[in-house]
N, C-alpha and C. Protein backbone atom coordinates (compact mmCIF):
# COMPACT_ATOMS: atom_id res chain seq x y z
N UNK A 1 113.46 157.31 271.97
CA UNK A 1 112.09 157.22 271.56
C UNK A 1 111.41 158.53 271.95
N UNK A 2 110.60 159.07 271.07
CA UNK A 2 109.93 160.34 271.30
C UNK A 2 108.67 160.10 272.13
N UNK A 3 108.21 161.18 272.75
CA UNK A 3 106.98 161.07 273.55
C UNK A 3 105.77 160.61 272.72
N UNK A 4 105.67 161.10 271.53
CA UNK A 4 104.48 160.76 270.72
C UNK A 4 104.53 159.26 270.45
N UNK A 5 105.71 158.67 270.22
CA UNK A 5 105.84 157.21 269.99
C UNK A 5 105.46 156.41 271.15
N UNK A 6 105.79 156.91 272.31
CA UNK A 6 105.47 156.26 273.56
C UNK A 6 103.94 156.23 273.80
N UNK A 7 103.30 157.39 273.52
CA UNK A 7 101.90 157.51 273.70
C UNK A 7 101.20 156.61 272.69
N UNK A 8 101.62 156.59 271.42
CA UNK A 8 101.04 155.71 270.38
C UNK A 8 101.18 154.23 270.78
N UNK A 9 102.34 153.92 271.32
CA UNK A 9 102.62 152.56 271.77
C UNK A 9 101.68 152.10 272.87
N UNK A 10 101.40 152.99 273.81
CA UNK A 10 100.53 152.70 274.90
C UNK A 10 99.09 152.53 274.38
N UNK A 11 98.64 153.40 273.45
CA UNK A 11 97.33 153.31 272.90
C UNK A 11 97.16 151.97 272.18
N UNK A 12 98.19 151.61 271.40
CA UNK A 12 98.18 150.38 270.69
C UNK A 12 98.09 149.17 271.59
N UNK A 13 98.82 149.24 272.73
CA UNK A 13 98.81 148.13 273.72
C UNK A 13 97.43 148.06 274.44
N UNK A 14 96.87 149.18 274.73
CA UNK A 14 95.51 149.14 275.35
C UNK A 14 94.47 148.54 274.39
N UNK A 15 94.57 148.88 273.16
CA UNK A 15 93.68 148.29 272.16
C UNK A 15 93.87 146.77 272.09
N UNK A 16 95.11 146.35 272.11
CA UNK A 16 95.46 144.95 272.08
C UNK A 16 94.91 144.22 273.30
N UNK A 17 95.06 144.79 274.46
CA UNK A 17 94.53 144.18 275.71
C UNK A 17 93.00 144.08 275.66
N UNK A 18 92.31 145.10 275.13
CA UNK A 18 90.88 145.08 275.00
C UNK A 18 90.42 143.95 274.04
N UNK A 19 91.25 143.69 273.01
CA UNK A 19 90.89 142.57 272.13
C UNK A 19 91.02 141.25 272.81
N UNK A 20 92.10 141.14 273.69
CA UNK A 20 92.22 139.89 274.43
C UNK A 20 91.07 139.68 275.42
N UNK A 21 90.68 140.76 276.09
CA UNK A 21 89.63 140.65 277.06
C UNK A 21 88.27 140.34 276.39
N UNK A 22 88.15 140.58 275.08
CA UNK A 22 86.90 140.29 274.35
C UNK A 22 86.83 138.82 273.92
N UNK A 23 87.96 138.14 273.98
CA UNK A 23 87.98 136.73 273.64
C UNK A 23 87.21 135.87 274.67
N UNK A 24 86.73 134.67 274.25
CA UNK A 24 86.17 133.74 275.24
C UNK A 24 87.15 133.45 276.33
N UNK A 25 86.67 133.06 277.48
CA UNK A 25 87.57 132.80 278.68
C UNK A 25 88.65 131.84 278.43
N UNK A 26 88.40 130.71 277.73
CA UNK A 26 89.43 129.69 277.54
C UNK A 26 90.54 130.26 276.63
N UNK A 27 90.20 131.13 275.67
CA UNK A 27 91.19 131.76 274.86
C UNK A 27 92.02 132.74 275.69
N UNK A 28 91.41 133.51 276.56
CA UNK A 28 92.15 134.49 277.41
C UNK A 28 93.11 133.73 278.24
N UNK A 29 92.74 132.62 278.86
CA UNK A 29 93.55 131.84 279.75
C UNK A 29 94.82 131.37 278.98
N UNK A 30 94.60 130.79 277.80
CA UNK A 30 95.71 130.28 276.97
C UNK A 30 96.62 131.40 276.49
N UNK A 31 95.97 132.51 276.04
CA UNK A 31 96.79 133.66 275.63
C UNK A 31 97.73 134.17 276.73
N UNK A 32 97.14 134.29 277.97
CA UNK A 32 97.98 134.77 279.05
C UNK A 32 99.17 133.85 279.38
N UNK A 33 98.88 132.52 279.31
CA UNK A 33 99.93 131.58 279.54
C UNK A 33 101.04 131.61 278.44
N UNK A 34 100.53 131.80 277.19
CA UNK A 34 101.45 131.94 276.10
C UNK A 34 102.33 133.19 276.24
N UNK A 35 101.68 134.28 276.63
CA UNK A 35 102.42 135.54 276.82
C UNK A 35 103.52 135.36 277.94
N UNK A 36 103.16 134.71 278.99
CA UNK A 36 104.18 134.46 280.08
C UNK A 36 105.32 133.66 279.54
N UNK A 37 104.94 132.62 278.75
CA UNK A 37 105.94 131.72 278.15
C UNK A 37 106.91 132.54 277.29
N UNK A 38 106.36 133.38 276.39
CA UNK A 38 107.20 134.12 275.52
C UNK A 38 108.06 135.12 276.26
N UNK A 39 107.57 135.70 277.34
CA UNK A 39 108.36 136.65 278.13
C UNK A 39 109.51 135.92 278.76
N UNK A 40 109.34 134.66 279.12
CA UNK A 40 110.39 133.84 279.72
C UNK A 40 111.40 133.39 278.67
N UNK A 41 110.96 132.92 277.56
CA UNK A 41 111.81 132.45 276.50
C UNK A 41 112.48 133.56 275.79
N UNK A 42 111.83 134.68 275.60
CA UNK A 42 112.46 135.87 275.13
C UNK A 42 112.72 136.02 273.63
N UNK A 43 111.71 135.79 272.77
CA UNK A 43 111.93 136.10 271.39
C UNK A 43 112.06 137.58 271.18
N UNK A 44 113.12 138.07 270.48
CA UNK A 44 113.35 139.49 270.31
C UNK A 44 112.15 140.17 269.66
N UNK A 45 111.56 139.54 268.70
CA UNK A 45 110.46 140.16 268.00
C UNK A 45 109.24 140.46 268.85
N UNK A 46 109.20 139.91 270.03
CA UNK A 46 108.07 140.12 270.88
C UNK A 46 107.82 141.59 271.23
N UNK A 47 108.93 142.33 271.33
CA UNK A 47 108.85 143.73 271.71
C UNK A 47 108.80 144.72 270.53
N UNK A 48 108.83 144.13 269.33
CA UNK A 48 108.94 144.99 268.14
C UNK A 48 107.61 145.11 267.40
N UNK A 49 106.99 146.24 267.47
CA UNK A 49 105.80 146.50 266.66
C UNK A 49 104.65 145.56 267.00
N UNK A 50 103.76 145.38 266.00
CA UNK A 50 102.52 144.53 266.24
C UNK A 50 102.97 143.11 266.46
N UNK A 51 103.71 142.54 265.64
CA UNK A 51 104.32 141.27 265.86
C UNK A 51 103.56 140.10 266.34
N UNK A 52 104.23 139.30 267.04
CA UNK A 52 103.75 137.95 267.49
C UNK A 52 102.52 137.97 268.26
N UNK A 53 102.41 138.77 269.34
CA UNK A 53 101.22 138.78 270.15
C UNK A 53 99.97 139.20 269.45
N UNK A 54 100.05 140.24 268.57
CA UNK A 54 98.97 140.71 267.82
C UNK A 54 98.50 139.56 266.82
N UNK A 55 99.41 138.85 266.30
CA UNK A 55 99.08 137.81 265.32
C UNK A 55 98.41 136.67 266.04
N UNK A 56 98.80 136.40 267.26
CA UNK A 56 98.10 135.35 268.07
C UNK A 56 96.63 135.74 268.34
N UNK A 57 96.49 137.04 268.70
CA UNK A 57 95.09 137.49 268.91
C UNK A 57 94.23 137.39 267.66
N UNK A 58 94.82 137.75 266.47
CA UNK A 58 94.13 137.59 265.24
C UNK A 58 93.72 136.13 265.02
N UNK A 59 94.64 135.18 265.29
CA UNK A 59 94.34 133.80 265.14
C UNK A 59 93.26 133.35 266.09
N UNK A 60 93.34 133.74 267.30
CA UNK A 60 92.35 133.44 268.32
C UNK A 60 90.99 134.00 268.02
N UNK A 61 90.92 135.27 267.46
CA UNK A 61 89.65 135.85 267.10
C UNK A 61 88.99 135.03 265.97
N UNK A 62 89.79 134.61 265.09
CA UNK A 62 89.27 133.76 263.99
C UNK A 62 88.75 132.44 264.52
N UNK A 63 89.48 131.79 265.38
CA UNK A 63 89.08 130.57 265.93
C UNK A 63 87.81 130.70 266.70
N UNK A 64 87.72 131.72 267.51
CA UNK A 64 86.48 131.95 268.31
C UNK A 64 85.31 132.24 267.46
N UNK A 65 85.52 132.97 266.36
CA UNK A 65 84.47 133.31 265.42
C UNK A 65 83.91 132.04 264.76
N UNK A 66 84.78 131.06 264.56
CA UNK A 66 84.40 129.81 263.92
C UNK A 66 83.77 128.82 264.92
N UNK A 67 83.74 129.22 266.19
CA UNK A 67 83.16 128.39 267.26
C UNK A 67 84.17 127.30 267.72
N UNK A 68 85.43 127.43 267.45
CA UNK A 68 86.38 126.41 267.87
C UNK A 68 86.78 126.70 269.28
N UNK A 69 87.10 125.62 270.06
CA UNK A 69 87.74 125.78 271.35
C UNK A 69 89.21 126.15 271.10
N UNK A 70 89.83 126.79 272.09
CA UNK A 70 91.24 127.25 271.95
C UNK A 70 92.18 126.15 271.57
N UNK A 71 92.00 124.98 272.24
CA UNK A 71 92.90 123.82 272.01
C UNK A 71 92.73 123.23 270.67
N UNK A 72 91.61 123.52 270.01
CA UNK A 72 91.44 123.11 268.60
C UNK A 72 92.34 124.01 267.68
N UNK A 73 92.60 125.22 268.15
CA UNK A 73 93.46 126.09 267.39
C UNK A 73 94.91 125.84 267.69
N UNK A 74 95.26 125.67 268.90
CA UNK A 74 96.68 125.52 269.29
C UNK A 74 97.13 124.07 269.30
N UNK A 75 96.21 123.16 269.55
CA UNK A 75 96.59 121.79 269.84
C UNK A 75 96.75 121.66 271.34
N UNK A 76 96.84 120.48 271.82
CA UNK A 76 96.93 120.18 273.26
C UNK A 76 98.24 120.67 273.92
N UNK A 77 99.30 120.60 273.09
CA UNK A 77 100.61 120.95 273.61
C UNK A 77 100.85 122.45 273.25
N UNK A 78 100.43 123.34 274.15
CA UNK A 78 100.49 124.72 273.87
C UNK A 78 101.94 125.19 273.76
N UNK A 79 102.82 124.64 274.61
CA UNK A 79 104.23 125.03 274.62
C UNK A 79 104.85 124.70 273.30
N UNK A 80 104.57 123.51 272.77
CA UNK A 80 105.10 123.12 271.40
C UNK A 80 104.53 124.03 270.41
N UNK A 81 103.31 124.51 270.46
CA UNK A 81 102.70 125.51 269.54
C UNK A 81 103.48 126.79 269.60
N UNK A 82 103.80 127.25 270.85
CA UNK A 82 104.61 128.45 271.04
C UNK A 82 106.01 128.23 270.40
N UNK A 83 106.65 127.17 270.70
CA UNK A 83 107.98 126.92 270.17
C UNK A 83 107.95 126.95 268.64
N UNK A 84 106.96 126.39 268.12
CA UNK A 84 106.84 126.38 266.63
C UNK A 84 106.67 127.80 266.09
N UNK A 85 105.95 128.63 266.75
CA UNK A 85 105.79 130.01 266.34
C UNK A 85 107.11 130.78 266.29
N UNK A 86 108.03 130.47 267.22
CA UNK A 86 109.22 131.26 267.35
C UNK A 86 110.44 130.50 266.93
N UNK A 87 110.29 129.33 266.24
CA UNK A 87 111.39 128.45 265.93
C UNK A 87 112.51 129.18 265.07
N UNK A 88 112.11 130.12 264.25
CA UNK A 88 113.14 130.85 263.44
C UNK A 88 113.47 132.21 264.02
N UNK A 89 112.96 132.52 265.20
CA UNK A 89 113.16 133.83 265.80
C UNK A 89 114.43 133.82 266.63
N UNK A 90 115.10 134.93 266.65
CA UNK A 90 116.25 135.14 267.54
C UNK A 90 115.70 135.42 268.94
N UNK A 91 116.34 134.82 269.92
CA UNK A 91 115.85 135.09 271.32
C UNK A 91 116.93 135.76 272.04
N UNK A 92 116.60 136.30 273.21
CA UNK A 92 117.61 137.02 274.02
C UNK A 92 118.66 136.01 274.52
N UNK A 93 118.25 134.75 274.61
CA UNK A 93 119.25 133.72 275.06
C UNK A 93 120.30 133.59 273.94
N UNK A 94 119.80 133.57 272.69
CA UNK A 94 120.78 133.52 271.55
C UNK A 94 121.77 134.65 271.60
N UNK A 95 121.28 135.84 271.91
CA UNK A 95 122.15 137.03 271.90
C UNK A 95 123.20 136.90 273.07
N UNK A 96 122.74 136.41 274.22
CA UNK A 96 123.61 136.24 275.38
C UNK A 96 124.63 135.12 275.09
N UNK A 97 124.19 134.05 274.47
CA UNK A 97 125.17 132.97 274.09
C UNK A 97 126.22 133.51 273.20
N UNK A 98 125.82 134.22 272.14
CA UNK A 98 126.81 134.80 271.18
C UNK A 98 127.77 135.75 271.94
N UNK A 99 127.24 136.53 272.86
CA UNK A 99 128.08 137.42 273.61
C UNK A 99 129.10 136.68 274.47
N UNK A 100 128.63 135.67 275.20
CA UNK A 100 129.52 134.87 275.94
C UNK A 100 130.61 134.21 275.18
N UNK A 101 130.19 133.63 274.07
CA UNK A 101 131.18 132.95 273.19
C UNK A 101 132.25 133.97 272.67
N UNK A 102 131.73 135.16 272.35
CA UNK A 102 132.66 136.15 271.81
C UNK A 102 133.70 136.55 272.87
N UNK A 103 133.20 136.75 274.16
CA UNK A 103 134.07 137.13 275.25
C UNK A 103 135.05 136.00 275.55
N UNK A 104 134.61 134.80 275.54
CA UNK A 104 135.53 133.63 275.78
C UNK A 104 136.56 133.58 274.69
N UNK A 105 136.19 133.71 273.48
CA UNK A 105 137.14 133.68 272.35
C UNK A 105 138.10 134.76 272.47
N UNK A 106 137.75 135.97 272.84
CA UNK A 106 138.72 137.08 273.08
C UNK A 106 139.72 136.74 274.13
N UNK A 107 139.12 136.20 275.27
CA UNK A 107 140.02 135.92 276.42
C UNK A 107 141.01 134.76 276.07
N UNK A 108 140.56 133.76 275.37
CA UNK A 108 141.46 132.68 274.95
C UNK A 108 142.51 133.18 273.97
N UNK A 109 142.12 133.99 273.07
CA UNK A 109 143.08 134.57 272.11
C UNK A 109 144.09 135.43 272.80
N UNK A 110 143.71 136.20 273.73
CA UNK A 110 144.56 137.11 274.52
C UNK A 110 145.53 136.18 275.34
N UNK A 111 145.07 135.20 275.91
CA UNK A 111 145.87 134.33 276.75
C UNK A 111 146.89 133.58 275.83
N UNK A 112 146.44 133.13 274.69
CA UNK A 112 147.30 132.45 273.72
C UNK A 112 148.37 133.38 273.22
N UNK A 113 148.04 134.61 272.95
CA UNK A 113 149.05 135.55 272.43
C UNK A 113 150.10 135.85 273.46
N UNK A 114 149.71 135.84 274.71
CA UNK A 114 150.70 136.14 275.85
C UNK A 114 151.72 135.03 275.98
N UNK A 115 151.30 133.80 275.68
CA UNK A 115 152.15 132.63 275.88
C UNK A 115 153.13 132.44 274.67
N UNK A 116 152.88 133.19 273.64
CA UNK A 116 153.79 132.99 272.46
C UNK A 116 155.01 133.79 272.59
C-alpha cells in the first residue's frame, strides 16, 4: 500500500468518525456496539473500502433525519440485525475453518498414502 493510499484512508476514516459523532446519542451507542460486534465476528468486507460501516452510518443518518429512534431502524435485537447484514459475507472464521479443513485433509491423505 502506498503512502498516498494510507493518507487517503485515514482522511476517509476521520470523515466517517465525524459523521458518527454527528448522530444522536442513541445512534452513536448502537453504532459503537455494532462496530465492536463486527470486529469480533470478523466479516472480511469490513476492512475493504467504504463498505458495511459507511452503509450503516448512511442508514442511521436517514433514520435520525426522519426522527426515528435507533431501535426503530435496527429492531430490538441489534445482534440479529447485524447478523442479517453479514449473512452472505465471508468471515475470517470461514477462512480459518477452510484452512484447518484443508490442513487436516492433507495430513489424512499423507497418512493414508504411507499406510498403502
